[in-house]
Amino acid sequence: MAFNFNAKDFYDTGSYAKETARIFDICNGCRLCFNLCPSFDVLFKRIDELDGEMDKLTDKDTKKVVDLCYDCKLCFPKCPYTPPHNYMLDFPRHMLRGKVIDAKKKGVRLQDQMLSRTDLLGTVSTKAAPIVNWTLESKPFRVLMEKTIGIHRERNLPKYASRTFVSWYKRHKRAEPAGADAPKVIFFHTCSVNYNDVDTGKAAIQVLEKNGVHVEVPPQKCCGMPYLDGGDIDNAKKHAAYNLRQLADYVKKGYDVVSPGPSCSYLMKQEYPMLSNDPDAKLVASHTFDLMEYIAKLNKGGQFSKDFKKSQGKITYHLPCHLKAQNIGFKSRDVLQLIPDTEVEVVAKCSGHDGTWSLKKEHFRMSLEVGEPLFSKFRDGGTAASDCPLAQLQIEKGSGTKPRHPIQILRDAYGMEEDPKA
């Protein structure tokens, strides 16, 4: 069946159970995704334990499969039965449906409520960043966090910036418009850039302006992905509606939407039209680009500067799952390889972080097992890159090397210095 957040029977447990049985039966007969994630591993092993008798799967079995799905989306492009096939199979969205139904019945868990409020946490934490960062590294506090809200004590967490990206941008001396025909973008900065990795946002603005792009940064909220992680569909819809109101008028004036976060660009492209009945959702989705996808678009149109000053040598680049799910190819690799004397090795494996999933004490160890094939590629040193801020954290945890966003490497190649004002 077609997936629809707004369908009348979306929250009906009988309809959900019937669709679950249908999907599990199709997946069991195929098993193409047997090695993609813990959900499939647990599902297939359980079916084998029951000698293939699907009707013996319990609600507890289903709940375990749902909880182990971290929404990486890797099964969707691999599946031969996704729409428009008449099976209409969408495994990750059905797992999301299970989380939403559970949250509606039992309420959103305190842990998910805390982890999803990125704007609130970021606003408060940046105002006292040195104290917050010190506290987050304190072992007694981390033990307390684990016992109260279930964030694993060994999970490395992003540090907070003393000033947000938005505060930097307000003081940034913007480039003069490059003419009436200059490309125009809305920069959807993401929570990670605004509160944690401000330099990625600064590098993006520097590179975009160097290439004659007119940039605007209107008010915006979290894209809503953390709410979906916890099944909080109502807050995800509210955030989508707010962002669509801010973005749609600009898009109608000829702006594109550009985001440095793969999960955010994925959500706006693929999920906003499902989360919202607003006709502008499809309009915004069709004009949304991942940052490096947009840079590649400039290059294809002959609008990309190749005024490089520094080669970057060998780069080990991690292709995030939510870029794979966008089916846009290897845009970061393609752009970085335009830099003279630069070689890019692509590692297209899941990091295992996946939103809020690996923060939770019950999944942390498993997340490292999922990411191990990726970590091994980054232990030899050299320049490491990934577009995903969460994958960067996970790779740092598993290999000791913290990747940078490709846009930062591109700025280095141009010979532009990092703006110290933050």
Protein backbone atom coordinates (compact mmCIF):
# COMPACT_ATOMS: atom_id res chain seq x y z
CA MET A 1 0.00 0.00 0.00
CA ALA A 2 1.09 3.60 -0.54
CA PHE A 3 2.56 5.24 2.57
CA ASN A 4 0.59 8.26 3.79
CA PHE A 5 1.03 9.99 7.16
CA ASN A 6 -2.43 11.50 6.72
CA ALA A 7 -4.35 8.35 5.70
CA LYS A 8 -7.41 7.55 7.82
CA ASP A 9 -6.14 4.09 8.78
CA PHE A 10 -2.54 5.15 9.41
CA TYR A 11 -2.91 4.75 13.21
CA ASP A 12 -5.18 1.70 13.05
CA THR A 13 -3.37 -1.19 14.73
CA GLY A 14 -5.23 -3.83 12.74
CA SER A 15 -4.29 -2.22 9.43
CA TYR A 16 -0.70 -1.84 10.66
CA ALA A 17 -0.47 -5.50 11.71
CA LYS A 18 -1.85 -6.67 8.36
CA GLU A 19 0.64 -4.52 6.44
CA THR A 20 3.48 -5.70 8.70
CA ALA A 21 2.70 -9.34 7.92
CA ARG A 22 2.59 -8.57 4.19
CA ILE A 23 5.94 -6.72 4.22
CA PHE A 24 7.72 -9.28 6.40
CA ASP A 25 6.52 -12.08 4.11
CA ILE A 26 7.86 -10.29 1.01
CA CYS A 27 11.18 -9.51 2.72
CA ASN A 28 11.55 -13.08 3.93
CA GLY A 29 11.07 -14.39 0.42
CA CYS A 30 13.69 -12.02 -0.96
CA ARG A 31 16.34 -11.50 1.76
CA LEU A 32 18.36 -9.18 -0.47
CA CYS A 33 18.85 -6.89 2.55
CA PHE A 34 20.00 -9.65 4.94
CA ASN A 35 23.27 -7.85 5.75
CA LEU A 36 22.18 -4.22 5.75
CA CYS A 37 21.14 -3.60 9.34
CA PRO A 38 20.19 -5.30 12.64
CA SER A 39 16.46 -5.15 11.82
CA PHE A 40 16.77 -7.60 8.94
CA ASP A 41 19.22 -9.82 10.80
CA VAL A 42 16.85 -10.18 13.76
CA LEU A 43 13.78 -10.61 11.55
CA PHE A 44 15.22 -13.36 9.39
CA LYS A 45 16.77 -15.25 12.30
CA ARG A 46 13.47 -15.16 14.16
CA ILE A 47 11.56 -16.45 11.12
CA ASP A 48 14.09 -19.28 10.77
CA GLU A 49 13.63 -20.15 14.46
CA LEU A 50 9.91 -20.48 13.75
CA ASP A 51 10.63 -22.74 10.75
CA GLY A 52 9.28 -20.11 8.42
CA GLU A 53 5.84 -20.01 10.03
CA MET A 54 5.22 -16.27 9.69
CA ASP A 55 1.93 -16.34 11.58
CA LYS A 56 3.84 -17.23 14.77
CA LEU A 57 5.63 -13.86 14.83
CA THR A 58 4.46 -11.95 17.88
CA ASP A 59 3.94 -8.24 18.53
CA LYS A 60 7.10 -8.42 20.65
CA ASP A 61 9.03 -9.74 17.64
CA THR A 62 7.72 -6.91 15.49
CA LYS A 63 8.54 -4.30 18.15
CA LYS A 64 12.15 -5.51 18.29
CA VAL A 65 12.53 -5.21 14.52
CA VAL A 66 11.01 -1.71 14.60
CA ASP A 67 13.27 -0.53 17.43
CA LEU A 68 16.38 -1.75 15.62
CA CYS A 69 15.55 0.22 12.46
CA TYR A 70 17.57 3.43 12.55
CA ASP A 71 16.12 4.83 9.32
CA CYS A 72 19.33 4.83 7.29
CA LYS A 73 17.18 4.21 4.18
CA LEU A 74 19.78 1.92 2.62
CA CYS A 75 17.26 -0.85 2.03
CA PHE A 76 14.98 1.38 -0.02
CA PRO A 77 17.23 1.93 -3.07
CA LYS A 78 18.29 -1.74 -2.92
CA CYS A 79 14.76 -3.15 -2.72
CA PRO A 80 13.26 -4.40 -6.02
CA TYR A 81 9.70 -3.98 -4.73
CA THR A 82 9.50 -0.25 -3.94
CA PRO A 83 6.96 1.97 -5.75
CA PRO A 84 5.98 1.91 -8.58
CA HIS A 85 6.19 -1.90 -8.23
CA ASN A 86 2.73 -3.22 -7.38
CA TYR A 87 4.00 -4.51 -4.02
CA MET A 88 4.50 -0.84 -2.99
CA LEU A 89 7.03 -1.90 -0.34
CA ASP A 90 8.66 0.76 1.82
CA PHE A 91 10.31 -0.97 4.76
CA PRO A 92 11.85 2.06 6.56
CA ARG A 93 8.67 4.10 6.37
CA HIS A 94 6.67 1.16 7.71
CA MET A 95 9.11 0.93 10.63
CA LEU A 96 8.51 4.64 11.18
CA ARG A 97 4.77 3.98 11.16
CA GLY A 98 5.31 1.47 13.96
CA LYS A 99 7.21 4.04 16.03
CA VAL A 100 4.53 6.68 15.46
CA ILE A 101 1.70 4.32 16.47
CA ASP A 102 3.62 3.29 19.60
CA ALA A 103 4.25 6.94 20.53
CA LYS A 104 0.55 7.74 20.01
CA LYS A 105 -0.51 4.89 22.29
CA LYS A 106 2.07 5.26 25.05
CA GLY A 107 3.30 8.82 24.61
CA VAL A 108 6.72 9.95 23.37
CA ARG A 109 9.40 8.64 25.71
CA LEU A 110 11.25 11.15 27.89
CA GLN A 111 14.50 10.12 26.21
CA ASP A 112 13.14 10.95 22.76
CA GLN A 113 11.58 14.17 24.00
CA MET A 114 14.98 15.31 25.28
CA LEU A 115 16.97 14.24 22.21
CA SER A 116 14.55 15.80 19.73
CA ARG A 117 14.59 19.34 21.13
CA THR A 118 17.77 20.38 19.36
CA ASP A 119 16.83 24.06 19.06
CA LEU A 120 16.04 24.39 22.75
CA LEU A 121 19.16 22.50 23.83
CA GLY A 122 21.33 24.43 21.39
CA THR A 123 19.98 27.85 22.36
CA VAL A 124 20.57 27.21 26.06
CA SER A 125 23.91 25.41 25.66
CA THR A 126 25.61 27.96 23.39
CA LYS A 127 25.00 30.66 25.99
CA ALA A 128 27.15 28.73 28.47
CA ALA A 129 29.21 26.64 26.04
CA PRO A 130 32.44 26.28 28.08
CA ILE A 131 30.54 25.07 31.15
CA VAL A 132 28.22 22.81 29.14
CA ASN A 133 31.10 21.25 27.19
CA TRP A 134 33.05 20.61 30.38
CA THR A 135 29.99 19.09 32.02
CA LEU A 136 29.33 16.79 29.04
CA GLU A 137 32.83 15.37 29.43
CA SER A 138 32.46 14.81 33.18
CA LYS A 139 32.27 11.09 33.98
CA PRO A 140 29.90 11.49 36.96
CA PHE A 141 27.54 13.58 34.84
CA ARG A 142 27.68 11.09 31.97
CA VAL A 143 26.78 8.26 34.36
CA LEU A 144 23.85 10.37 35.57
CA MET A 145 22.74 11.01 31.98
CA GLU A 146 22.83 7.31 31.26
CA LYS A 147 20.71 6.46 34.27
CA THR A 148 18.16 9.24 33.73
CA ILE A 149 17.70 9.70 29.98
CA GLY A 150 19.57 6.69 28.64
CA ILE A 151 22.43 8.32 26.70
CA HIS A 152 25.36 5.90 26.86
CA ARG A 153 28.16 7.17 29.09
CA GLU A 154 30.82 6.48 26.41
CA ARG A 155 28.95 8.13 23.55
CA ASN A 156 31.03 11.08 22.33
CA LEU A 157 28.81 14.12 21.96
CA PRO A 158 29.19 17.25 19.81
CA LYS A 159 30.65 20.29 21.51
CA TYR A 160 28.67 23.51 21.56
CA ALA A 161 29.97 26.70 19.98
CA SER A 162 30.14 29.87 22.04
CA ARG A 163 28.21 31.70 19.35
CA THR A 164 25.80 30.33 16.80
CA PHE A 165 26.18 30.33 13.04
CA VAL A 166 23.21 32.70 12.82
CA SER A 167 24.97 35.24 15.08
CA TRP A 168 28.09 34.98 12.89
CA TYR A 169 26.09 35.43 9.71
CA LYS A 170 24.42 38.58 11.01
CA ARG A 171 27.87 40.17 11.40
CA HIS A 172 29.27 38.67 8.21
CA LYS A 173 30.14 41.22 5.54
CA ARG A 174 28.13 39.85 2.70
CA ALA A 175 29.43 39.83 -0.85
CA GLU A 176 27.95 42.31 -3.28
CA PRO A 177 25.23 40.80 -5.51
CA ALA A 178 26.75 39.37 -8.67
CA GLY A 179 23.99 40.71 -10.92
CA ALA A 180 20.33 40.08 -11.60
CA ASP A 181 21.05 36.68 -13.13
CA ALA A 182 23.21 35.45 -10.25
CA PRO A 183 22.11 32.16 -8.70
CA LYS A 184 20.20 32.66 -5.44
CA VAL A 185 19.92 30.26 -2.52
CA ILE A 186 18.40 29.94 0.90
CA PHE A 187 20.96 28.38 3.22
CA PHE A 188 19.20 25.91 5.51
CA HIS A 189 21.98 25.78 8.04
CA THR A 190 20.87 22.74 10.18
CA CYS A 191 20.97 22.52 13.97
CA SER A 192 24.42 20.94 13.88
CA VAL A 193 25.93 23.88 12.02
CA ASN A 194 24.07 26.51 14.01
CA TYR A 195 24.97 25.24 17.47
CA ASN A 196 27.98 22.95 17.08
CA ASP A 197 30.00 23.01 13.87
CA VAL A 198 29.73 26.69 12.98
CA ASP A 199 32.79 26.57 10.73
CA THR A 200 31.05 24.28 8.24
CA GLY A 201 28.41 26.98 7.80
CA LYS A 202 31.04 29.69 7.45
CA ALA A 203 32.91 27.65 4.86
CA ALA A 204 29.67 27.12 2.93
CA ILE A 205 28.96 30.85 2.78
CA GLN A 206 32.54 31.62 1.78
CA VAL A 207 32.51 29.09 -1.06
CA LEU A 208 29.03 30.01 -2.29
CA GLU A 209 29.86 33.71 -2.36
CA LYS A 210 33.17 33.07 -4.12
CA ASN A 211 31.13 31.41 -6.84
CA GLY A 212 28.83 34.40 -7.23
CA VAL A 213 25.85 32.93 -5.38
CA HIS A 214 23.52 35.29 -3.55
CA VAL A 215 22.77 33.79 -0.11
CA GLU A 216 19.91 34.45 2.29
CA VAL A 217 19.44 32.88 5.74
CA PRO A 218 15.82 33.36 6.86
CA PRO A 219 14.47 32.19 10.25
CA GLN A 220 14.25 28.40 10.42
CA LYS A 221 13.74 25.57 12.87
CA CYS A 222 15.06 22.02 13.14
CA CYS A 223 14.03 20.09 10.02
CA GLY A 224 12.08 17.65 12.21
CA MET A 225 14.14 14.48 11.72
CA PRO A 226 14.89 14.02 15.47
CA TYR A 227 11.15 14.04 16.16
CA LEU A 228 10.57 11.32 13.57
CA ASP A 229 13.30 9.25 15.23
CA GLY A 230 11.15 9.14 18.37
CA GLY A 231 7.82 8.72 16.59
CA ASP A 232 6.70 12.25 17.47
CA ILE A 233 4.79 12.87 14.25
CA ASP A 234 2.92 15.92 15.55
CA ASN A 235 6.05 17.95 16.28
CA ALA A 236 7.66 16.79 13.03
CA LYS A 237 4.64 18.16 11.15
CA LYS A 238 4.77 21.46 13.06
CA HIS A 239 8.43 21.96 12.22
CA ALA A 240 7.85 21.08 8.58
CA ALA A 241 4.97 23.57 8.39
CA TYR A 242 7.07 26.36 9.94
CA ASN A 243 10.01 25.80 7.59
CA LEU A 244 7.76 25.57 4.54
CA ARG A 245 6.23 28.96 5.41
CA GLN A 246 9.72 30.47 5.58
CA LEU A 247 11.06 28.83 2.42
CA ALA A 248 8.17 28.77 -0.05
CA ASP A 249 8.03 32.52 -0.76
CA TYR A 250 11.75 32.57 -1.53
CA VAL A 251 11.46 29.57 -3.85
CA LYS A 252 8.67 31.34 -5.72
CA LYS A 253 11.09 34.25 -6.23
CA GLY A 254 13.67 32.00 -7.89
CA TYR A 255 15.71 30.80 -4.90
CA ASP A 256 16.90 27.25 -4.36
CA VAL A 257 17.22 25.72 -0.88
CA VAL A 258 20.67 24.40 -0.01
CA SER A 259 21.58 22.42 3.10
CA PRO A 260 24.94 21.00 4.29
CA GLY A 261 23.19 18.23 6.25
CA PRO A 262 22.23 15.08 4.29
CA SER A 263 19.45 14.16 6.72
CA CYS A 264 17.90 17.63 6.48
CA SER A 265 18.05 17.79 2.69
CA TYR A 266 16.64 14.25 2.50
CA LEU A 267 13.78 15.11 4.82
CA MET A 268 12.83 18.25 2.90
CA LYS A 269 13.01 16.45 -0.44
CA GLN A 270 11.31 13.18 0.48
CA GLU A 271 9.30 13.57 3.69
CA TYR A 272 7.96 17.15 3.70
CA PRO A 273 5.49 16.36 0.90
CA MET A 274 4.20 13.48 3.04
CA LEU A 275 4.25 15.34 6.35
CA SER A 276 2.33 18.30 4.95
CA ASN A 277 -0.78 18.76 2.83
CA ASP A 278 0.55 22.18 1.81
CA PRO A 279 1.01 22.24 -2.00
CA ASP A 280 4.14 24.32 -1.43
CA ALA A 281 5.79 21.23 0.11
CA LYS A 282 6.33 19.68 -3.32
CA LEU A 283 7.54 23.01 -4.69
CA VAL A 284 10.15 23.39 -1.95
CA ALA A 285 11.15 19.74 -2.26
CA SER A 286 11.80 20.11 -5.98
CA HIS A 287 14.11 23.09 -5.35
CA THR A 288 16.06 21.60 -2.43
CA PHE A 289 19.67 20.48 -2.86
CA ASP A 290 22.36 18.98 -0.72
CA LEU A 291 25.16 21.56 -0.51
CA MET A 292 27.70 19.62 -2.56
CA GLU A 293 24.98 18.58 -5.00
CA TYR A 294 24.36 22.28 -5.57
CA ILE A 295 28.08 22.99 -6.03
CA ALA A 296 28.17 20.20 -8.63
CA LYS A 297 25.17 21.84 -10.31
CA LEU A 298 27.12 25.10 -10.53
CA ASN A 299 30.02 23.26 -12.11
CA LYS A 300 27.75 21.58 -14.66
CA GLY A 301 26.38 25.00 -15.60
CA GLY A 302 29.85 26.49 -16.01
CA GLN A 303 29.40 28.73 -12.96
CA PHE A 304 31.94 27.08 -10.66
CA SER A 305 35.32 28.68 -10.02
CA LYS A 306 38.37 26.44 -10.36
CA ASP A 307 40.69 29.09 -8.98
CA PHE A 308 42.36 26.62 -6.64
CA LYS A 309 45.50 27.56 -4.75
CA LYS A 310 46.27 24.36 -2.82
CA SER A 311 46.06 20.67 -3.71
CA GLN A 312 44.54 18.42 -1.04
CA GLY A 313 46.38 15.13 -1.61
CA LYS A 314 44.54 11.94 -0.70
CA ILE A 315 41.10 12.23 0.86
CA THR A 316 39.17 9.34 2.36
CA TYR A 317 35.53 10.27 1.89
CA HIS A 318 32.56 8.66 3.62
CA LEU A 319 29.35 8.70 1.57
CA PRO A 320 26.49 9.19 4.08
CA CYS A 321 23.46 6.93 3.93
CA HIS A 322 21.04 9.83 3.52
CA LEU A 323 22.93 10.98 0.44
CA LYS A 324 22.70 7.47 -0.99
CA ALA A 325 18.97 7.56 -0.34
CA GLN A 326 18.69 10.78 -2.37
CA ASN A 327 20.06 8.89 -5.36
CA ILE A 328 22.18 11.83 -6.52
CA GLY A 329 25.44 10.00 -7.11
CA PHE A 330 28.83 10.96 -5.67
CA LYS A 331 28.65 14.75 -5.82
CA SER A 332 31.12 15.49 -3.02
CA ARG A 333 33.68 13.18 -4.60
CA ASP A 334 33.09 14.67 -8.05
CA VAL A 335 33.63 18.23 -6.79
CA LEU A 336 36.69 17.44 -4.67
CA GLN A 337 38.32 15.65 -7.60
CA LEU A 338 38.25 18.93 -9.53
CA ILE A 339 41.02 20.12 -7.19
CA PRO A 340 44.42 19.54 -8.86
CA ASP A 341 46.60 16.74 -7.47
CA THR A 342 43.78 15.48 -5.27
CA GLU A 343 42.63 11.87 -5.04
CA VAL A 344 39.38 10.84 -3.37
CA GLU A 345 38.72 7.33 -2.06
CA VAL A 346 35.01 6.74 -1.46
CA VAL A 347 33.86 4.52 1.43
CA ALA A 348 30.14 3.86 1.04
CA LYS A 349 29.39 2.10 4.34
CA CYS A 350 27.01 3.03 7.14
CA SER A 351 28.57 4.62 10.21
CA GLY A 352 25.91 3.20 12.51
CA HIS A 353 25.20 6.52 14.25
CA ASP A 354 21.93 7.22 12.48
CA GLY A 355 20.16 10.10 14.19
CA THR A 356 19.55 9.52 17.88
CA TRP A 357 19.77 5.71 17.63
CA SER A 358 23.39 5.23 18.67
CA LEU A 359 23.13 7.70 21.54
CA LYS A 360 20.86 5.30 23.39
CA LYS A 361 22.53 2.94 25.84
CA GLU A 362 20.69 -0.10 24.44
CA HIS A 363 22.04 0.52 20.92
CA PHE A 364 25.45 2.14 21.45
CA ARG A 365 27.58 -1.04 21.30
CA MET A 366 25.64 -2.38 18.35
CA SER A 367 26.14 0.93 16.53
CA LEU A 368 29.91 0.52 16.80
CA GLU A 369 29.64 -3.01 15.40
CA VAL A 370 27.64 -1.66 12.46
CA GLY A 371 30.26 1.04 11.84
CA GLU A 372 33.40 -1.07 12.22
CA PRO A 373 33.83 -1.84 8.47
CA LEU A 374 33.82 1.92 7.92
CA PHE A 375 36.12 2.84 10.82
CA SER A 376 38.90 0.59 9.55
CA LYS A 377 39.22 2.76 6.43
CA PHE A 378 39.99 5.86 8.52
CA ARG A 379 42.65 4.51 10.87
CA ASP A 380 45.57 5.19 8.55
CA GLY A 381 45.43 8.96 9.01
CA GLY A 382 45.31 11.48 6.19
CA THR A 383 42.45 13.80 5.29
CA ALA A 384 39.07 12.39 6.25
CA ALA A 385 35.76 13.74 4.97
CA SER A 386 32.04 13.17 5.45
CA ASP A 387 29.03 15.40 4.78
CA CYS A 388 27.16 13.99 7.80
CA PRO A 389 27.93 15.54 11.22
CA LEU A 390 26.73 12.46 13.09
CA ALA A 391 28.82 10.13 10.94
CA GLN A 392 31.77 12.42 11.70
CA LEU A 393 31.22 11.84 15.42
CA GLN A 394 30.87 8.11 14.95
CA ILE A 395 33.98 7.84 12.77
CA GLU A 396 35.91 9.82 15.36
CA LYS A 397 34.71 7.43 18.08
CA GLY A 398 35.58 4.33 16.09
CA SER A 399 38.83 5.41 14.43
CA GLY A 400 40.23 8.36 16.37
CA THR A 401 40.03 10.56 13.26
CA LYS A 402 37.43 13.35 12.99
CA PRO A 403 36.37 13.96 9.36
CA ARG A 404 35.64 17.41 7.98
CA HIS A 405 32.81 18.46 5.72
CA PRO A 406 33.86 18.53 2.03
CA ILE A 407 32.95 22.22 1.87
CA GLN A 408 35.70 22.99 4.41
CA ILE A 409 38.22 21.12 2.27
CA LEU A 410 37.02 23.03 -0.79
CA ARG A 411 37.53 26.33 1.04
CA ASP A 412 41.08 25.24 1.92
CA ALA A 413 41.76 24.44 -1.73
CA TYR A 414 40.69 27.96 -2.68
CA GLY A 415 43.27 29.28 -0.24
CA MET A 416 40.64 31.13 1.78
CA GLU A 417 41.26 31.44 5.49
CA GLU A 418 38.80 30.37 8.13
CA ASP A 419 36.89 33.37 9.44
CA PRO A 420 37.88 33.52 13.14
CA LYS A 421 34.80 35.51 14.16
CA ALA A 422 32.25 33.17 15.70
